[in-house]
Amino acid sequence: MSKNIKITYINKLMNNDLPTIFVFTKNETPTFDALKDGVAWRVIPDIGRASSSSFIFPINTSVGATWQNGQNKTQQLTSVIGNCYTVSKDQTGIVLAANGTASDTKSIDVNNDVNVPNGISAQLYKDGKLMMEKKIVGFGQKATFVLKPKLYWGVASEIEESQLLNSAVLSTNSFFEQDLEGVTKATVSCNGNAEDGYKFIVESQE
């Protein structure tokens, strides 16, 4: 994935269902559990039948961190896969800075070098929206993020952007995987209904 990708969603549901569609990405590490750790990156509400919504999945990803239950946060830095970022304390206070290479060339690492109650939360953002989060990274520990060019689509009755999936009201616990490798634009539709189940289909991509 070397450029931004335009994604278009179309409502092709069979009846008057008006579920909320959400999109998220996975941290491709062995311990990641989508239902426990997933974050709603994009939420698409109120798109009526045959109506559509478009958004950009950008190539650029930013990294940041928060502490004290999100009350305090560092600046966001444009992140590079294979790099390491460290939350530390300098003469100005707690800051985030690039700090060498990650443990794996395919990952983004965030080290916690500050001793604060309950540790820090490490986060990745796309388009300024929270995309992925690792909570409670203790002093001397690190969060590792492994990204692949994939989106996951789901249906919910209650969900908000940047909300953890485990605190949302989901209509299904299964998600549609969309591989964006080599794609510049794609159109995805939601089909079916609540009784028979919802189904996402890639209508076109190039």
C-alpha atoms as a PDB file:
ATOM      1  CA  MET A   1       0.000   0.000   0.000  1.00  0.00           C
ATOM      2  CA  SER A   2       1.772   3.084  -1.251  1.00  0.00           C
ATOM      3  CA  LYS A   3      -1.058   5.616  -1.545  1.00  0.00           C
ATOM      4  CA  ASN A   4      -4.322   6.638   0.029  1.00  0.00           C
ATOM      5  CA  ILE A   5      -7.302   4.403  -0.724  1.00  0.00           C
ATOM      6  CA  LYS A   6     -10.816   5.676  -1.379  1.00  0.00           C
ATOM      7  CA  ILE A   7     -13.513   3.463   0.139  1.00  0.00           C
ATOM      8  CA  THR A   8     -17.206   3.806  -0.745  1.00  0.00           C
ATOM      9  CA  TYR A   9     -19.946   2.103   1.267  1.00  0.00           C
ATOM     10  CA  ILE A  10     -23.418   1.425  -0.238  1.00  0.00           C
ATOM     11  CA  ASN A  11     -26.532   0.291   1.657  1.00  0.00           C
ATOM     12  CA  LYS A  12     -28.150  -2.614  -0.238  1.00  0.00           C
ATOM     13  CA  LEU A  13     -30.148  -4.046   2.656  1.00  0.00           C
ATOM     14  CA  MET A  14     -33.359  -5.881   1.765  1.00  0.00           C
ATOM     15  CA  ASN A  15     -35.689  -4.083   4.176  1.00  0.00           C
ATOM     16  CA  ASN A  16     -35.864  -0.955   6.273  1.00  0.00           C
ATOM     17  CA  ASP A  17     -33.083  -1.960   8.641  1.00  0.00           C
ATOM     18  CA  LEU A  18     -30.879   0.975   9.452  1.00  0.00           C
ATOM     19  CA  PRO A  19     -27.948  -0.549  11.326  1.00  0.00           C
ATOM     20  CA  THR A  20     -24.789   1.391  12.038  1.00  0.00           C
ATOM     21  CA  ILE A  21     -21.802   0.204  10.026  1.00  0.00           C
ATOM     22  CA  PHE A  22     -18.344   0.367  11.550  1.00  0.00           C
ATOM     23  CA  VAL A  23     -14.848  -0.241  10.239  1.00  0.00           C
ATOM     24  CA  PHE A  24     -11.739  -1.203  12.178  1.00  0.00           C
ATOM     25  CA  THR A  25      -8.269  -2.642  11.708  1.00  0.00           C
ATOM     26  CA  LYS A  26      -6.474  -5.397  13.553  1.00  0.00           C
ATOM     27  CA  ASN A  27      -3.157  -5.455  15.327  1.00  0.00           C
ATOM     28  CA  GLU A  28      -1.591  -8.492  13.669  1.00  0.00           C
ATOM     29  CA  THR A  29       0.019  -9.748  16.871  1.00  0.00           C
ATOM     30  CA  PRO A  30      -0.822 -13.165  18.384  1.00  0.00           C
ATOM     31  CA  THR A  31      -2.444 -11.702  21.495  1.00  0.00           C
ATOM     32  CA  PHE A  32      -4.825  -9.318  19.696  1.00  0.00           C
ATOM     33  CA  ASP A  33      -8.508 -10.131  20.215  1.00  0.00           C
ATOM     34  CA  ALA A  34     -10.802  -8.073  17.983  1.00  0.00           C
ATOM     35  CA  LEU A  35     -13.777  -8.274  20.343  1.00  0.00           C
ATOM     36  CA  LYS A  36     -11.654  -7.304  23.333  1.00  0.00           C
ATOM     37  CA  ASP A  37      -9.108  -4.904  21.828  1.00  0.00           C
ATOM     38  CA  GLY A  38     -10.657  -3.633  18.572  1.00  0.00           C
ATOM     39  CA  VAL A  39     -11.478   0.077  18.174  1.00  0.00           C
ATOM     40  CA  ALA A  40     -14.138   1.506  15.848  1.00  0.00           C
ATOM     41  CA  TRP A  41     -12.001   3.636  13.532  1.00  0.00           C
ATOM     42  CA  ARG A  42     -14.885   4.740  11.307  1.00  0.00           C
ATOM     43  CA  VAL A  43     -18.610   4.672  12.060  1.00  0.00           C
ATOM     44  CA  ILE A  44     -21.122   5.076   9.213  1.00  0.00           C
ATOM     45  CA  PRO A  45     -24.640   5.843  10.549  1.00  0.00           C
ATOM     46  CA  ASP A  46     -27.929   6.742   8.855  1.00  0.00           C
ATOM     47  CA  ILE A  47     -27.058   5.663   5.323  1.00  0.00           C
ATOM     48  CA  GLY A  48     -30.437   4.763   3.806  1.00  0.00           C
ATOM     49  CA  ARG A  49     -31.100   2.150   1.164  1.00  0.00           C
ATOM     50  CA  ALA A  50     -29.201   2.863  -2.081  1.00  0.00           C
ATOM     51  CA  SER A  51     -27.398   5.754  -0.405  1.00  0.00           C
ATOM     52  CA  SER A  52     -23.637   5.758   0.023  1.00  0.00           C
ATOM     53  CA  SER A  53     -20.792   7.143   2.107  1.00  0.00           C
ATOM     54  CA  SER A  54     -17.143   7.594   1.143  1.00  0.00           C
ATOM     55  CA  PHE A  55     -13.987   7.948   3.182  1.00  0.00           C
ATOM     56  CA  ILE A  56     -10.227   7.746   2.723  1.00  0.00           C
ATOM     57  CA  PHE A  57      -8.030   5.042   4.222  1.00  0.00           C
ATOM     58  CA  PRO A  58      -4.747   6.983   4.335  1.00  0.00           C
ATOM     59  CA  ILE A  59      -1.287   5.518   4.041  1.00  0.00           C
ATOM     60  CA  ASN A  60       0.020   7.750   6.833  1.00  0.00           C
ATOM     61  CA  THR A  61      -0.298   6.531  10.410  1.00  0.00           C
ATOM     62  CA  SER A  62       0.394   8.568  13.536  1.00  0.00           C
ATOM     63  CA  VAL A  63       1.454   7.374  16.966  1.00  0.00           C
ATOM     64  CA  GLY A  64       0.592   8.888  20.333  1.00  0.00           C
ATOM     65  CA  ALA A  65       0.163   8.038  23.990  1.00  0.00           C
ATOM     66  CA  THR A  66      -2.065   9.016  26.917  1.00  0.00           C
ATOM     67  CA  TRP A  67      -1.858   8.625  30.675  1.00  0.00           C
ATOM     68  CA  GLN A  68      -4.079   9.181  33.715  1.00  0.00           C
ATOM     69  CA  ASN A  69      -7.129   7.622  32.028  1.00  0.00           C
ATOM     70  CA  GLY A  70      -6.709   9.692  28.904  1.00  0.00           C
ATOM     71  CA  GLN A  71      -6.682  13.057  30.685  1.00  0.00           C
ATOM     72  CA  ASN A  72      -3.152  13.736  29.438  1.00  0.00           C
ATOM     73  CA  LYS A  73      -1.753  12.988  26.005  1.00  0.00           C
ATOM     74  CA  THR A  74       1.444  13.421  24.067  1.00  0.00           C
ATOM     75  CA  GLN A  75       1.722  15.003  20.675  1.00  0.00           C
ATOM     76  CA  GLN A  76       1.061  12.722  17.721  1.00  0.00           C
ATOM     77  CA  LEU A  77       4.012  11.833  15.518  1.00  0.00           C
ATOM     78  CA  THR A  78       3.900  10.437  11.990  1.00  0.00           C
ATOM     79  CA  SER A  79       4.986   6.846  12.472  1.00  0.00           C
ATOM     80  CA  VAL A  80       7.102   4.641  10.261  1.00  0.00           C
ATOM     81  CA  ILE A  81       6.877   0.858  10.239  1.00  0.00           C
ATOM     82  CA  GLY A  82      10.081  -0.543  11.689  1.00  0.00           C
ATOM     83  CA  ASN A  83      10.629   2.383  14.053  1.00  0.00           C
ATOM     84  CA  CYS A  84      10.415   2.648  17.825  1.00  0.00           C
ATOM     85  CA  TYR A  85       8.874   5.515  19.806  1.00  0.00           C
ATOM     86  CA  THR A  86       9.419   6.155  23.511  1.00  0.00           C
ATOM     87  CA  VAL A  87       7.382   8.009  26.104  1.00  0.00           C
ATOM     88  CA  SER A  88       9.892   9.571  28.489  1.00  0.00           C
ATOM     89  CA  LYS A  89      10.369  12.530  30.785  1.00  0.00           C
ATOM     90  CA  ASP A  90      12.726  15.341  29.816  1.00  0.00           C
ATOM     91  CA  GLN A  91      13.272  18.846  31.176  1.00  0.00           C
ATOM     92  CA  THR A  92       9.872  19.925  29.833  1.00  0.00           C
ATOM     93  CA  GLY A  93       7.881  16.974  31.194  1.00  0.00           C
ATOM     94  CA  ILE A  94       6.437  13.811  29.621  1.00  0.00           C
ATOM     95  CA  VAL A  95       6.979  13.641  25.863  1.00  0.00           C
ATOM     96  CA  LEU A  96       6.924  11.175  22.953  1.00  0.00           C
ATOM     97  CA  ALA A  97       9.871  10.919  20.574  1.00  0.00           C
ATOM     98  CA  ALA A  98      11.243   8.596  17.919  1.00  0.00           C
ATOM     99  CA  ASN A  99      13.876   6.347  19.439  1.00  0.00           C
ATOM    100  CA  GLY A 100      15.631   4.005  17.025  1.00  0.00           C
ATOM    101  CA  THR A 101      14.331   0.856  15.415  1.00  0.00           C
ATOM    102  CA  ALA A 102      11.575  -1.523  16.505  1.00  0.00           C
ATOM    103  CA  SER A 103      12.199  -5.106  17.572  1.00  0.00           C
ATOM    104  CA  ASP A 104      10.845  -6.233  14.189  1.00  0.00           C
ATOM    105  CA  THR A 105      11.068  -4.513  10.811  1.00  0.00           C
ATOM    106  CA  LYS A 106       7.311  -5.067  10.351  1.00  0.00           C
ATOM    107  CA  SER A 107       6.211  -3.504  13.622  1.00  0.00           C
ATOM    108  CA  ILE A 108       5.832  -0.141  15.344  1.00  0.00           C
ATOM    109  CA  ASP A 109       6.958  -0.205  18.982  1.00  0.00           C
ATOM    110  CA  VAL A 110       5.982   2.232  21.725  1.00  0.00           C
ATOM    111  CA  ASN A 111       8.148   2.035  24.868  1.00  0.00           C
ATOM    112  CA  ASN A 112       7.049   3.369  28.240  1.00  0.00           C
ATOM    113  CA  ASP A 113       9.937   4.981  30.099  1.00  0.00           C
ATOM    114  CA  VAL A 114       7.824   6.958  32.586  1.00  0.00           C
ATOM    115  CA  ASN A 115       6.539   5.713  35.914  1.00  0.00           C
ATOM    116  CA  VAL A 116       2.932   6.928  36.108  1.00  0.00           C
ATOM    117  CA  PRO A 117      -0.053   5.278  37.855  1.00  0.00           C
ATOM    118  CA  ASN A 118      -1.613   2.519  35.687  1.00  0.00           C
ATOM    119  CA  GLY A 119       0.999   3.057  32.972  1.00  0.00           C
ATOM    120  CA  ILE A 120       0.346   4.639  29.592  1.00  0.00           C
ATOM    121  CA  SER A 121      -1.955   3.789  26.710  1.00  0.00           C
ATOM    122  CA  ALA A 122      -0.224   3.601  23.321  1.00  0.00           C
ATOM    123  CA  GLN A 123      -2.258   4.534  20.267  1.00  0.00           C
ATOM    124  CA  LEU A 124      -2.178   4.612  16.493  1.00  0.00           C
ATOM    125  CA  TYR A 125      -4.248   7.026  14.434  1.00  0.00           C
ATOM    126  CA  LYS A 126      -5.251   7.349  10.805  1.00  0.00           C
ATOM    127  CA  ASP A 127      -6.834  10.553   9.527  1.00  0.00           C
ATOM    128  CA  GLY A 128      -6.666  11.901  13.082  1.00  0.00           C
ATOM    129  CA  LYS A 129      -9.016   9.172  14.333  1.00  0.00           C
ATOM    130  CA  LEU A 130      -8.079   6.512  16.861  1.00  0.00           C
ATOM    131  CA  MET A 131      -7.432   3.271  14.984  1.00  0.00           C
ATOM    132  CA  MET A 132      -5.701   1.006  17.488  1.00  0.00           C
ATOM    133  CA  GLU A 133      -4.856   1.109  21.175  1.00  0.00           C
ATOM    134  CA  LYS A 134      -2.862  -0.866  23.722  1.00  0.00           C
ATOM    135  CA  LYS A 135      -3.969  -0.017  27.248  1.00  0.00           C
ATOM    136  CA  ILE A 136      -1.939  -0.262  30.440  1.00  0.00           C
ATOM    137  CA  VAL A 137       1.623  -0.345  29.133  1.00  0.00           C
ATOM    138  CA  GLY A 138       3.585  -0.414  32.386  1.00  0.00           C
ATOM    139  CA  PHE A 139       6.883   1.266  33.178  1.00  0.00           C
ATOM    140  CA  GLY A 140       9.661  -0.484  31.267  1.00  0.00           C
ATOM    141  CA  GLN A 141       7.198  -2.270  28.980  1.00  0.00           C
ATOM    142  CA  LYS A 142       6.294  -1.706  25.344  1.00  0.00           C
ATOM    143  CA  ALA A 143       3.348  -1.942  22.997  1.00  0.00           C
ATOM    144  CA  THR A 144       3.897  -3.582  19.622  1.00  0.00           C
ATOM    145  CA  PHE A 145       1.689  -2.829  16.620  1.00  0.00           C
ATOM    146  CA  VAL A 146       1.827  -4.880  13.424  1.00  0.00           C
ATOM    147  CA  LEU A 147      -0.224  -3.465  10.558  1.00  0.00           C
ATOM    148  CA  LYS A 148      -1.458  -5.024   7.353  1.00  0.00           C
ATOM    149  CA  PRO A 149      -3.455  -3.268   4.599  1.00  0.00           C
ATOM    150  CA  LYS A 150      -6.772  -4.757   5.721  1.00  0.00           C
ATOM    151  CA  LEU A 151     -10.076  -3.371   6.929  1.00  0.00           C
ATOM    152  CA  TYR A 152     -12.748  -5.204   8.879  1.00  0.00           C
ATOM    153  CA  TRP A 153     -16.446  -4.362   8.580  1.00  0.00           C
ATOM    154  CA  GLY A 154     -19.147  -4.967  11.158  1.00  0.00           C
ATOM    155  CA  VAL A 155     -22.712  -4.064  12.101  1.00  0.00           C
ATOM    156  CA  ALA A 156     -23.840  -2.574  15.404  1.00  0.00           C
ATOM    157  CA  SER A 157     -26.958  -1.084  16.932  1.00  0.00           C
ATOM    158  CA  GLU A 158     -24.940   1.171  19.228  1.00  0.00           C
ATOM    159  CA  ILE A 159     -21.358   2.223  18.575  1.00  0.00           C
ATOM    160  CA  GLU A 160     -19.312   5.410  18.386  1.00  0.00           C
ATOM    161  CA  GLU A 161     -16.039   6.340  16.732  1.00  0.00           C
ATOM    162  CA  SER A 162     -12.953   5.574  18.856  1.00  0.00           C
ATOM    163  CA  GLN A 163     -15.052   3.259  21.048  1.00  0.00           C
ATOM    164  CA  LEU A 164     -13.754  -0.170  22.019  1.00  0.00           C
ATOM    165  CA  LEU A 165     -15.811  -2.916  20.400  1.00  0.00           C
ATOM    166  CA  ASN A 166     -16.250  -4.627  23.757  1.00  0.00           C
ATOM    167  CA  SER A 167     -18.250  -1.646  25.036  1.00  0.00           C
ATOM    168  CA  ALA A 168     -20.458  -1.349  21.933  1.00  0.00           C
ATOM    169  CA  VAL A 169     -23.714  -3.170  21.164  1.00  0.00           C
ATOM    170  CA  LEU A 170     -22.806  -5.340  18.186  1.00  0.00           C
ATOM    171  CA  SER A 171     -25.317  -7.014  15.892  1.00  0.00           C
ATOM    172  CA  THR A 172     -22.835  -9.776  15.062  1.00  0.00           C
ATOM    173  CA  ASN A 173     -19.501 -10.994  16.368  1.00  0.00           C
ATOM    174  CA  SER A 174     -18.225 -11.936  12.918  1.00  0.00           C
ATOM    175  CA  PHE A 175     -16.498  -9.401  10.710  1.00  0.00           C
ATOM    176  CA  PHE A 176     -15.904  -9.050   6.977  1.00  0.00           C
ATOM    177  CA  GLU A 177     -12.226  -8.838   6.006  1.00  0.00           C
ATOM    178  CA  GLN A 178     -11.255  -6.584   3.118  1.00  0.00           C
ATOM    179  CA  ASP A 179      -7.727  -6.923   1.757  1.00  0.00           C
ATOM    180  CA  LEU A 180      -6.466  -3.599   0.382  1.00  0.00           C
ATOM    181  CA  GLU A 181      -3.086  -4.755  -0.912  1.00  0.00           C
ATOM    182  CA  GLY A 182      -2.518  -3.041  -4.267  1.00  0.00           C
ATOM    183  CA  VAL A 183      -5.939  -1.333  -4.174  1.00  0.00           C
ATOM    184  CA  THR A 184      -6.504   2.395  -4.845  1.00  0.00           C
ATOM    185  CA  LYS A 185     -10.292   2.479  -4.522  1.00  0.00           C
ATOM    186  CA  ALA A 186     -13.036   0.050  -3.600  1.00  0.00           C
ATOM    187  CA  THR A 187     -16.800  -0.107  -3.152  1.00  0.00           C
ATOM    188  CA  VAL A 188     -18.340  -2.272  -0.416  1.00  0.00           C
ATOM    189  CA  SER A 189     -22.031  -2.966   0.117  1.00  0.00           C
ATOM    190  CA  CYS A 190     -24.034  -4.368   3.026  1.00  0.00           C
ATOM    191  CA  ASN A 191     -26.722  -6.842   2.018  1.00  0.00           C
ATOM    192  CA  GLY A 192     -29.337  -9.023   3.704  1.00  0.00           C
ATOM    193  CA  ASN A 193     -31.390  -8.194   6.775  1.00  0.00           C
ATOM    194  CA  ALA A 194     -31.498  -8.687  10.534  1.00  0.00           C
ATOM    195  CA  GLU A 195     -33.526 -11.902  10.284  1.00  0.00           C
ATOM    196  CA  ASP A 196     -31.341 -13.734   7.763  1.00  0.00           C
ATOM    197  CA  GLY A 197     -28.085 -12.017   8.597  1.00  0.00           C
ATOM    198  CA  TYR A 198     -25.994  -9.222   7.161  1.00  0.00           C
ATOM    199  CA  LYS A 199     -23.417  -9.776   4.434  1.00  0.00           C
ATOM    200  CA  PHE A 200     -20.742  -7.451   3.115  1.00  0.00           C
ATOM    201  CA  ILE A 201     -19.694  -7.699  -0.534  1.00  0.00           C
ATOM    202  CA  VAL A 202     -16.856  -5.995  -2.407  1.00  0.00           C
ATOM    203  CA  GLU A 203     -18.749  -4.580  -5.385  1.00  0.00           C
ATOM    204  CA  SER A 204     -15.655  -3.327  -7.173  1.00  0.00           C
ATOM    205  CA  GLN A 205     -12.043  -2.451  -6.561  1.00  0.00           C
ATOM    206  CA  GLU A 206      -9.036  -1.398  -8.595  1.00  0.00           C
END
